[in-house]
């Protein structure tokens, strides 16, 4: 698919869905979250991490290829690198809300990732400095900047103050 004019696309049940590139607050939140997660993943040699809209082929006939802002896979899940889009969902999908996204739209996207096998979805809202954590069969939990985000059983020992995902200093 062609790219340009600040647009990216995903394929959802055979239909192309165009979306805008990230704005500065969203890009900064993605960068900070990637840094915090990468520090944990590489220090503990625990799993595989990707950023920059990695795409995943989730359905066939009609096809669905979705991208997440940041994806993490548990150790051993990505056994080999494939050309194109892997046919699985990340264990952790991180989505950063932009001004054009509504809260229900972000909740729907989180639910979609869970339905394809993700174990956690973090929806970050740079405007409010919150992270909403979605898990299968549980109500979402929204954390404010005074709270601490932890990885639970998925990322044992991982924790980060929520404010650190949105700004350099408190």
N, C-alpha and C. Protein backbone atom coordinates (compact mmCIF):
# COMPACT_ATOMS: atom_id res chain seq x y z
N UNK A 1 0.84 -1.18 0.00
CA UNK A 1 0.00 0.00 0.00
C UNK A 1 0.88 1.25 0.00
N UNK A 2 0.49 2.26 -0.72
CA UNK A 2 1.28 3.49 -0.73
C UNK A 2 1.17 4.22 0.60
N UNK A 3 2.25 4.91 0.96
CA UNK A 3 2.23 5.74 2.16
C UNK A 3 2.44 7.17 1.74
N UNK A 4 2.03 8.07 2.58
CA UNK A 4 2.29 9.47 2.28
C UNK A 4 1.26 10.38 2.89
N UNK A 5 1.57 11.65 2.83
CA UNK A 5 0.67 12.69 3.31
C UNK A 5 0.29 12.49 4.78
N UNK A 6 1.21 11.93 5.57
CA UNK A 6 0.95 11.75 6.99
C UNK A 6 -0.06 10.66 7.31
N UNK A 7 -0.29 9.74 6.39
CA UNK A 7 -1.27 8.68 6.60
C UNK A 7 -0.61 7.31 6.64
N UNK A 8 -1.18 6.43 7.42
CA UNK A 8 -0.81 5.02 7.46
C UNK A 8 -2.10 4.24 7.34
N UNK A 9 -1.99 2.96 7.03
CA UNK A 9 -3.23 2.19 6.91
C UNK A 9 -3.11 0.85 7.60
N UNK A 10 -4.28 0.29 7.93
CA UNK A 10 -4.42 -1.06 8.43
C UNK A 10 -5.48 -1.73 7.56
N UNK A 11 -5.48 -3.06 7.58
CA UNK A 11 -6.47 -3.83 6.83
C UNK A 11 -7.37 -4.51 7.86
N UNK A 12 -8.65 -4.16 7.85
CA UNK A 12 -9.57 -4.72 8.83
C UNK A 12 -10.70 -5.43 8.09
N UNK A 13 -10.67 -6.74 8.19
CA UNK A 13 -11.65 -7.61 7.53
C UNK A 13 -11.81 -7.24 6.05
N UNK A 14 -10.67 -7.05 5.40
CA UNK A 14 -10.65 -6.79 3.97
C UNK A 14 -10.79 -5.33 3.57
N UNK A 15 -11.04 -4.44 4.51
CA UNK A 15 -11.20 -3.02 4.20
C UNK A 15 -9.99 -2.23 4.68
N UNK A 16 -9.50 -1.35 3.84
CA UNK A 16 -8.38 -0.49 4.21
C UNK A 16 -8.90 0.65 5.08
N UNK A 17 -8.24 0.84 6.23
CA UNK A 17 -8.59 1.91 7.16
C UNK A 17 -7.38 2.82 7.28
N UNK A 18 -7.54 4.07 6.89
CA UNK A 18 -6.46 5.05 6.93
C UNK A 18 -6.43 5.72 8.29
N UNK A 19 -5.23 6.04 8.76
CA UNK A 19 -5.10 6.76 10.02
C UNK A 19 -3.92 7.72 9.93
N UNK A 20 -3.97 8.74 10.75
CA UNK A 20 -2.93 9.78 10.74
C UNK A 20 -1.68 9.30 11.46
N UNK A 21 -0.55 9.88 11.09
CA UNK A 21 0.70 9.65 11.82
C UNK A 21 0.57 10.25 13.22
N UNK A 22 1.43 9.82 14.13
CA UNK A 22 1.40 10.31 15.51
C UNK A 22 1.84 11.76 15.59
N UNK A 23 1.21 12.49 16.50
CA UNK A 23 1.63 13.85 16.81
C UNK A 23 2.68 13.80 17.92
N UNK A 24 3.30 14.94 18.23
CA UNK A 24 4.42 14.98 19.18
C UNK A 24 4.12 14.36 20.54
N UNK A 25 3.02 14.69 21.22
CA UNK A 25 2.79 14.08 22.54
C UNK A 25 2.67 12.56 22.48
N UNK A 26 2.04 12.05 21.43
CA UNK A 26 1.90 10.61 21.28
C UNK A 26 3.25 9.96 20.98
N UNK A 27 4.02 10.57 20.09
CA UNK A 27 5.33 10.03 19.76
C UNK A 27 6.25 10.03 20.97
N UNK A 28 6.19 11.09 21.78
CA UNK A 28 7.01 11.14 22.99
C UNK A 28 6.60 10.06 23.98
N UNK A 29 5.29 9.84 24.16
CA UNK A 29 4.83 8.79 25.06
C UNK A 29 5.28 7.42 24.57
N UNK A 30 5.20 7.18 23.25
CA UNK A 30 5.67 5.90 22.70
C UNK A 30 7.16 5.72 22.97
N UNK A 31 7.94 6.78 22.75
CA UNK A 31 9.39 6.70 22.96
C UNK A 31 9.71 6.41 24.41
N UNK A 32 9.07 7.12 25.33
CA UNK A 32 9.34 6.90 26.76
C UNK A 32 8.92 5.49 27.19
N UNK A 33 7.76 5.05 26.73
CA UNK A 33 7.30 3.70 27.08
C UNK A 33 8.23 2.65 26.50
N UNK A 34 8.65 2.85 25.26
CA UNK A 34 9.58 1.91 24.64
C UNK A 34 10.88 1.85 25.43
N UNK A 35 11.38 3.01 25.87
CA UNK A 35 12.62 3.04 26.65
C UNK A 35 12.46 2.28 27.96
N UNK A 36 11.35 2.53 28.67
CA UNK A 36 11.13 1.86 29.95
C UNK A 36 10.98 0.35 29.76
N UNK A 37 10.20 -0.06 28.76
CA UNK A 37 10.03 -1.50 28.49
C UNK A 37 11.33 -2.13 28.00
N UNK A 38 12.04 -1.44 27.13
CA UNK A 38 13.30 -1.98 26.59
C UNK A 38 14.32 -2.18 27.70
N UNK A 39 14.38 -1.26 28.63
CA UNK A 39 15.30 -1.40 29.76
C UNK A 39 15.00 -2.69 30.51
N UNK A 40 13.74 -2.96 30.76
CA UNK A 40 13.35 -4.19 31.46
C UNK A 40 13.65 -5.42 30.60
N UNK A 41 13.19 -5.42 29.35
CA UNK A 41 13.32 -6.59 28.48
C UNK A 41 14.79 -6.95 28.25
N UNK A 42 15.62 -5.97 27.95
CA UNK A 42 17.02 -6.27 27.64
C UNK A 42 17.83 -6.55 28.89
N UNK A 43 17.54 -5.87 30.01
CA UNK A 43 18.25 -6.16 31.26
C UNK A 43 17.95 -7.58 31.76
N UNK A 44 16.73 -8.06 31.52
CA UNK A 44 16.33 -9.39 31.99
C UNK A 44 16.38 -10.45 30.89
N UNK A 45 16.76 -10.04 29.66
CA UNK A 45 16.76 -10.96 28.52
C UNK A 45 15.43 -11.71 28.46
N UNK A 46 14.34 -10.93 28.45
CA UNK A 46 13.02 -11.50 28.62
C UNK A 46 12.08 -11.09 27.50
N UNK A 47 12.01 -11.87 26.47
CA UNK A 47 11.06 -11.66 25.39
C UNK A 47 11.58 -10.77 24.27
N UNK A 48 10.66 -10.43 23.37
CA UNK A 48 10.98 -9.63 22.18
C UNK A 48 10.08 -8.40 22.14
N UNK A 49 10.66 -7.28 21.74
CA UNK A 49 9.99 -5.99 21.77
C UNK A 49 10.10 -5.32 20.41
N UNK A 50 9.00 -4.71 19.96
CA UNK A 50 8.99 -3.98 18.69
C UNK A 50 8.21 -2.69 18.85
N UNK A 51 8.59 -1.69 18.06
CA UNK A 51 7.86 -0.42 18.03
C UNK A 51 7.82 0.08 16.60
N UNK A 52 7.06 1.14 16.38
CA UNK A 52 6.99 1.72 15.04
C UNK A 52 5.91 1.10 14.20
N UNK A 53 4.76 0.84 14.79
CA UNK A 53 3.62 0.25 14.09
C UNK A 53 3.90 -1.12 13.50
N UNK A 54 4.45 -2.06 14.29
CA UNK A 54 4.61 -3.40 13.75
C UNK A 54 3.24 -4.00 13.43
N UNK A 55 3.13 -4.64 12.28
CA UNK A 55 1.86 -5.19 11.83
C UNK A 55 1.76 -6.68 12.10
N UNK A 56 0.54 -7.15 12.34
CA UNK A 56 0.28 -8.56 12.62
C UNK A 56 -0.93 -9.01 11.83
N UNK A 57 -0.77 -10.14 11.15
CA UNK A 57 -1.84 -10.73 10.33
C UNK A 57 -2.71 -11.55 11.27
N UNK A 58 -3.93 -11.08 11.52
CA UNK A 58 -4.77 -11.67 12.56
C UNK A 58 -5.91 -12.52 12.03
N UNK A 59 -6.36 -12.28 10.81
CA UNK A 59 -7.47 -13.03 10.22
C UNK A 59 -7.23 -13.22 8.73
N UNK A 60 -7.84 -14.28 8.18
CA UNK A 60 -7.82 -14.55 6.74
C UNK A 60 -9.24 -14.60 6.20
N UNK A 61 -9.39 -14.20 4.96
CA UNK A 61 -10.65 -14.33 4.21
C UNK A 61 -11.88 -13.82 4.94
N UNK A 62 -12.08 -12.57 5.12
CA UNK A 62 -11.22 -11.47 4.68
C UNK A 62 -10.08 -11.24 5.68
N UNK A 63 -9.02 -10.68 5.15
CA UNK A 63 -7.82 -10.47 5.94
C UNK A 63 -7.94 -9.29 6.89
N UNK A 64 -7.26 -9.44 8.04
CA UNK A 64 -7.10 -8.36 8.99
C UNK A 64 -5.62 -8.27 9.33
N UNK A 65 -5.04 -7.11 9.08
CA UNK A 65 -3.65 -6.82 9.47
C UNK A 65 -3.72 -5.54 10.29
N UNK A 66 -3.39 -5.65 11.57
CA UNK A 66 -3.44 -4.50 12.47
C UNK A 66 -2.04 -4.19 12.97
N UNK A 67 -1.85 -2.95 13.36
CA UNK A 67 -0.56 -2.51 13.91
C UNK A 67 -0.80 -1.94 15.29
N UNK A 68 0.17 -2.13 16.15
CA UNK A 68 0.13 -1.54 17.49
C UNK A 68 1.33 -0.62 17.63
N UNK A 69 1.25 0.32 18.54
CA UNK A 69 2.37 1.25 18.71
C UNK A 69 3.61 0.53 19.23
N UNK A 70 3.42 -0.33 20.22
CA UNK A 70 4.51 -1.13 20.79
C UNK A 70 3.97 -2.53 21.02
N UNK A 71 4.80 -3.53 20.73
CA UNK A 71 4.41 -4.92 20.93
C UNK A 71 5.51 -5.65 21.68
N UNK A 72 5.09 -6.50 22.62
CA UNK A 72 6.03 -7.35 23.34
C UNK A 72 5.54 -8.79 23.27
N UNK A 73 6.48 -9.70 23.04
CA UNK A 73 6.19 -11.12 22.98
C UNK A 73 6.95 -11.84 24.07
N UNK A 74 6.29 -12.77 24.74
CA UNK A 74 6.92 -13.58 25.78
C UNK A 74 8.06 -14.39 25.18
N UNK A 75 9.04 -14.76 26.01
CA UNK A 75 10.16 -15.55 25.51
C UNK A 75 9.68 -16.80 24.77
N UNK A 76 10.26 -17.03 23.59
CA UNK A 76 9.96 -18.21 22.80
C UNK A 76 8.77 -18.11 21.88
N UNK A 77 7.97 -17.04 21.95
CA UNK A 77 6.80 -16.93 21.07
C UNK A 77 7.17 -16.60 19.64
N UNK A 78 8.19 -15.77 19.45
CA UNK A 78 8.64 -15.46 18.09
C UNK A 78 9.82 -16.37 17.78
N UNK A 79 9.52 -17.57 17.31
CA UNK A 79 10.58 -18.55 17.11
C UNK A 79 11.43 -18.26 15.89
N UNK A 80 10.84 -17.64 14.89
CA UNK A 80 11.62 -17.24 13.71
C UNK A 80 11.04 -15.98 13.12
N UNK A 81 11.90 -15.17 12.55
CA UNK A 81 11.45 -13.94 11.89
C UNK A 81 10.94 -14.30 10.50
N UNK A 82 9.79 -13.76 10.16
CA UNK A 82 9.20 -14.04 8.86
C UNK A 82 9.18 -12.76 8.03
N UNK A 83 9.20 -12.93 6.74
CA UNK A 83 9.00 -11.81 5.83
C UNK A 83 7.52 -11.46 5.88
N UNK A 84 7.20 -10.20 5.97
CA UNK A 84 5.80 -9.81 6.02
C UNK A 84 5.32 -9.69 7.45
N UNK A 85 4.08 -10.07 7.69
CA UNK A 85 3.46 -9.87 8.99
C UNK A 85 3.31 -11.21 9.72
N UNK A 86 3.82 -11.31 10.96
CA UNK A 86 3.62 -12.54 11.72
C UNK A 86 2.12 -12.79 11.93
N UNK A 87 1.75 -14.06 12.00
CA UNK A 87 0.35 -14.42 12.16
C UNK A 87 0.06 -14.74 13.62
N UNK A 88 0.20 -13.73 14.46
CA UNK A 88 -0.12 -13.84 15.87
C UNK A 88 -0.23 -12.45 16.45
N UNK A 89 -0.83 -12.38 17.63
CA UNK A 89 -0.96 -11.09 18.33
C UNK A 89 0.11 -11.02 19.41
N UNK A 90 0.60 -9.83 19.72
CA UNK A 90 1.59 -9.71 20.79
C UNK A 90 0.98 -10.05 22.15
N UNK A 91 1.82 -10.51 23.08
CA UNK A 91 1.34 -10.77 24.44
C UNK A 91 0.95 -9.46 25.11
N UNK A 92 1.72 -8.41 24.86
CA UNK A 92 1.40 -7.07 25.35
C UNK A 92 1.33 -6.14 24.15
N UNK A 93 0.20 -5.47 24.00
CA UNK A 93 0.05 -4.44 22.97
C UNK A 93 -0.09 -3.10 23.69
N UNK A 94 0.70 -2.12 23.25
CA UNK A 94 0.60 -0.77 23.81
C UNK A 94 0.05 0.14 22.73
N UNK A 95 -1.03 0.83 23.05
CA UNK A 95 -1.66 1.78 22.14
C UNK A 95 -1.62 3.16 22.79
N UNK A 96 -1.23 4.16 22.04
CA UNK A 96 -1.18 5.53 22.56
C UNK A 96 -2.28 6.33 21.87
N UNK A 97 -3.16 6.88 22.68
CA UNK A 97 -4.33 7.61 22.18
C UNK A 97 -3.91 8.95 21.59
N UNK A 98 -4.44 9.25 20.42
CA UNK A 98 -4.21 10.55 19.81
C UNK A 98 -5.49 11.38 19.96
N UNK A 99 -5.41 12.70 19.73
CA UNK A 99 -6.61 13.54 19.87
C UNK A 99 -7.78 13.11 18.99
N UNK A 100 -7.49 12.44 17.88
CA UNK A 100 -8.57 12.02 16.99
C UNK A 100 -9.23 10.71 17.42
N UNK A 101 -8.67 10.04 18.44
CA UNK A 101 -9.26 8.79 18.93
C UNK A 101 -10.22 9.07 20.08
N UNK A 102 -11.36 8.40 20.08
CA UNK A 102 -12.29 8.49 21.21
C UNK A 102 -11.95 7.39 22.21
N UNK A 103 -12.41 7.57 23.45
CA UNK A 103 -12.20 6.53 24.46
C UNK A 103 -12.85 5.22 24.05
N UNK A 104 -14.11 5.23 23.55
CA UNK A 104 -14.71 3.96 23.11
C UNK A 104 -13.92 3.29 21.98
N UNK A 105 -13.39 4.08 21.06
CA UNK A 105 -12.59 3.53 19.97
C UNK A 105 -11.35 2.82 20.51
N UNK A 106 -10.69 3.44 21.51
CA UNK A 106 -9.50 2.82 22.09
C UNK A 106 -9.86 1.56 22.88
N UNK A 107 -10.99 1.59 23.57
CA UNK A 107 -11.44 0.40 24.29
C UNK A 107 -11.75 -0.73 23.31
N UNK A 108 -12.37 -0.39 22.17
CA UNK A 108 -12.66 -1.40 21.14
C UNK A 108 -11.37 -2.00 20.60
N UNK A 109 -10.36 -1.16 20.38
CA UNK A 109 -9.09 -1.67 19.87
C UNK A 109 -8.43 -2.58 20.90
N UNK A 110 -8.48 -2.20 22.17
CA UNK A 110 -7.91 -3.05 23.23
C UNK A 110 -8.64 -4.39 23.27
N UNK A 111 -9.96 -4.36 23.20
CA UNK A 111 -10.75 -5.58 23.21
C UNK A 111 -10.42 -6.46 22.00
N UNK A 112 -10.18 -5.82 20.86
CA UNK A 112 -9.81 -6.56 19.66
C UNK A 112 -8.49 -7.30 19.88
N UNK A 113 -7.46 -6.61 20.44
CA UNK A 113 -6.17 -7.28 20.70
C UNK A 113 -6.36 -8.46 21.64
N UNK A 114 -7.17 -8.28 22.69
CA UNK A 114 -7.41 -9.38 23.63
C UNK A 114 -8.10 -10.55 22.93
N UNK A 115 -9.03 -10.24 22.03
CA UNK A 115 -9.76 -11.32 21.34
C UNK A 115 -8.84 -12.15 20.44
N UNK A 116 -7.72 -11.56 20.01
CA UNK A 116 -6.76 -12.29 19.17
C UNK A 116 -5.64 -12.94 19.98
N UNK A 117 -5.68 -12.80 21.31
CA UNK A 117 -4.72 -13.52 22.13
C UNK A 117 -3.77 -12.69 22.96
N UNK A 118 -3.83 -11.37 22.86
CA UNK A 118 -2.98 -10.56 23.73
C UNK A 118 -3.38 -10.78 25.18
N UNK A 119 -2.40 -10.75 26.08
CA UNK A 119 -2.66 -10.97 27.50
C UNK A 119 -2.89 -9.67 28.26
N UNK A 120 -2.31 -8.60 27.74
CA UNK A 120 -2.53 -7.26 28.31
C UNK A 120 -2.49 -6.25 27.17
N UNK A 121 -3.27 -5.19 27.34
CA UNK A 121 -3.22 -4.03 26.44
C UNK A 121 -3.13 -2.81 27.34
N UNK A 122 -2.14 -1.98 27.07
CA UNK A 122 -2.02 -0.71 27.78
C UNK A 122 -2.45 0.39 26.83
N UNK A 123 -3.45 1.16 27.20
CA UNK A 123 -3.89 2.30 26.41
C UNK A 123 -3.43 3.55 27.15
N UNK A 124 -2.50 4.25 26.56
CA UNK A 124 -1.94 5.45 27.17
C UNK A 124 -2.65 6.68 26.62
N UNK A 125 -2.93 7.62 27.50
CA UNK A 125 -3.56 8.87 27.11
C UNK A 125 -2.65 10.01 27.54
N UNK A 126 -1.82 10.54 26.61
CA UNK A 126 -0.89 11.61 26.97
C UNK A 126 -1.57 12.88 27.47
N UNK A 127 -2.77 13.16 26.98
CA UNK A 127 -3.49 14.36 27.40
C UNK A 127 -3.85 14.32 28.88
N UNK A 128 -4.24 13.15 29.36
CA UNK A 128 -4.64 12.97 30.76
C UNK A 128 -3.54 12.36 31.63
N UNK A 129 -2.44 11.93 31.00
CA UNK A 129 -1.34 11.24 31.70
C UNK A 129 -1.88 10.02 32.46
N UNK A 130 -2.64 9.17 31.72
CA UNK A 130 -3.18 7.95 32.31
C UNK A 130 -2.82 6.75 31.45
N UNK A 131 -2.85 5.59 32.07
CA UNK A 131 -2.72 4.32 31.36
C UNK A 131 -3.88 3.45 31.80
N UNK A 132 -4.63 2.95 30.84
CA UNK A 132 -5.71 2.00 31.15
C UNK A 132 -5.21 0.62 30.77
N UNK A 133 -5.25 -0.29 31.73
CA UNK A 133 -4.75 -1.65 31.53
C UNK A 133 -5.95 -2.56 31.30
N UNK A 134 -5.92 -3.25 30.17
CA UNK A 134 -6.97 -4.21 29.80
C UNK A 134 -6.37 -5.62 29.91
N UNK A 135 -7.12 -6.52 30.53
CA UNK A 135 -6.73 -7.93 30.64
C UNK A 135 -7.96 -8.78 30.29
N UNK A 136 -7.74 -10.01 29.81
CA UNK A 136 -8.89 -10.86 29.48
C UNK A 136 -9.77 -11.10 30.71
N UNK A 137 -11.07 -11.04 30.51
CA UNK A 137 -12.07 -11.38 31.53
C UNK A 137 -11.95 -10.53 32.80
N UNK A 138 -11.42 -9.33 32.68
CA UNK A 138 -11.32 -8.43 33.83
C UNK A 138 -11.75 -7.04 33.39
N UNK A 139 -12.26 -6.27 34.33
CA UNK A 139 -12.60 -4.88 34.02
C UNK A 139 -11.31 -4.08 33.82
N UNK A 140 -11.30 -3.13 32.89
CA UNK A 140 -10.11 -2.30 32.70
C UNK A 140 -9.82 -1.48 33.97
N UNK A 141 -8.54 -1.21 34.19
CA UNK A 141 -8.10 -0.42 35.33
C UNK A 141 -7.35 0.79 34.79
N UNK A 142 -7.77 1.99 35.19
CA UNK A 142 -7.10 3.20 34.75
C UNK A 142 -6.20 3.71 35.87
N UNK A 143 -4.93 3.92 35.51
CA UNK A 143 -3.92 4.40 36.44
C UNK A 143 -3.59 5.85 36.12
N UNK A 144 -3.52 6.68 37.17
CA UNK A 144 -3.14 8.08 37.00
C UNK A 144 -1.64 8.25 37.18
N UNK A 145 -1.17 9.47 36.98
CA UNK A 145 0.28 9.69 37.01
C UNK A 145 0.91 9.43 38.37
N UNK A 146 0.14 9.41 39.45
CA UNK A 146 0.68 9.09 40.78
C UNK A 146 0.76 7.59 41.03
N UNK A 147 0.21 6.78 40.12
CA UNK A 147 0.20 5.33 40.29
C UNK A 147 1.45 4.70 39.67
N UNK A 148 1.61 3.41 39.96
CA UNK A 148 2.73 2.63 39.41
C UNK A 148 2.15 1.55 38.51
N UNK A 149 2.65 1.47 37.29
CA UNK A 149 2.25 0.44 36.33
C UNK A 149 3.16 -0.76 36.55
N UNK A 150 2.55 -1.94 36.71
CA UNK A 150 3.39 -3.14 36.83
C UNK A 150 2.96 -4.15 35.77
N UNK A 151 3.83 -5.09 35.51
CA UNK A 151 3.58 -6.07 34.46
C UNK A 151 2.86 -7.30 34.92
N UNK A 152 2.58 -7.40 36.22
CA UNK A 152 1.89 -8.58 36.75
C UNK A 152 2.65 -9.86 36.41
N UNK A 153 1.91 -10.92 36.16
CA UNK A 153 2.53 -12.21 35.81
C UNK A 153 3.17 -12.19 34.43
N UNK A 154 2.72 -11.27 33.58
CA UNK A 154 3.22 -11.21 32.21
C UNK A 154 4.67 -10.71 32.17
N UNK A 155 4.96 -9.67 32.93
CA UNK A 155 6.31 -9.09 32.99
C UNK A 155 6.73 -9.05 34.47
N UNK A 156 7.11 -10.20 35.03
CA UNK A 156 7.41 -10.25 36.46
C UNK A 156 8.54 -9.31 36.84
N UNK A 157 8.30 -8.50 37.86
CA UNK A 157 9.31 -7.58 38.34
C UNK A 157 9.33 -6.24 37.63
N UNK A 158 8.54 -6.09 36.58
CA UNK A 158 8.49 -4.80 35.87
C UNK A 158 7.59 -3.85 36.63
N UNK A 159 8.05 -2.61 36.81
CA UNK A 159 7.18 -1.55 37.32
C UNK A 159 7.77 -0.21 36.87
N UNK A 160 6.88 0.74 36.71
CA UNK A 160 7.28 2.10 36.31
C UNK A 160 6.23 3.07 36.79
N UNK A 161 6.66 4.21 37.33
CA UNK A 161 5.67 5.24 37.66
C UNK A 161 4.99 5.72 36.37
N UNK A 162 3.68 5.85 36.41
CA UNK A 162 2.94 6.26 35.22
C UNK A 162 3.46 7.60 34.68
N UNK A 163 3.77 8.54 35.56
CA UNK A 163 4.23 9.84 35.08
C UNK A 163 5.46 9.71 34.18
N UNK A 164 6.31 8.70 34.42
CA UNK A 164 7.56 8.56 33.65
C UNK A 164 7.31 8.18 32.19
N UNK A 165 6.10 7.75 31.88
CA UNK A 165 5.77 7.41 30.49
C UNK A 165 5.41 8.66 29.69
N UNK A 166 5.21 9.78 30.38
CA UNK A 166 4.75 11.00 29.71
C UNK A 166 5.68 12.19 29.84
N UNK A 167 6.59 12.14 30.80
CA UNK A 167 7.50 13.29 30.97
C UNK A 167 8.80 12.81 31.56
N UNK A 168 9.83 13.62 31.38
CA UNK A 168 11.17 13.28 31.86
C UNK A 168 11.30 13.40 33.36
N UNK A 169 10.71 14.43 33.92
CA UNK A 169 10.80 14.66 35.36
C UNK A 169 9.42 14.91 35.94
N UNK A 170 9.35 14.71 37.20
CA UNK A 170 8.09 14.95 37.92
C UNK A 170 8.02 16.38 38.33
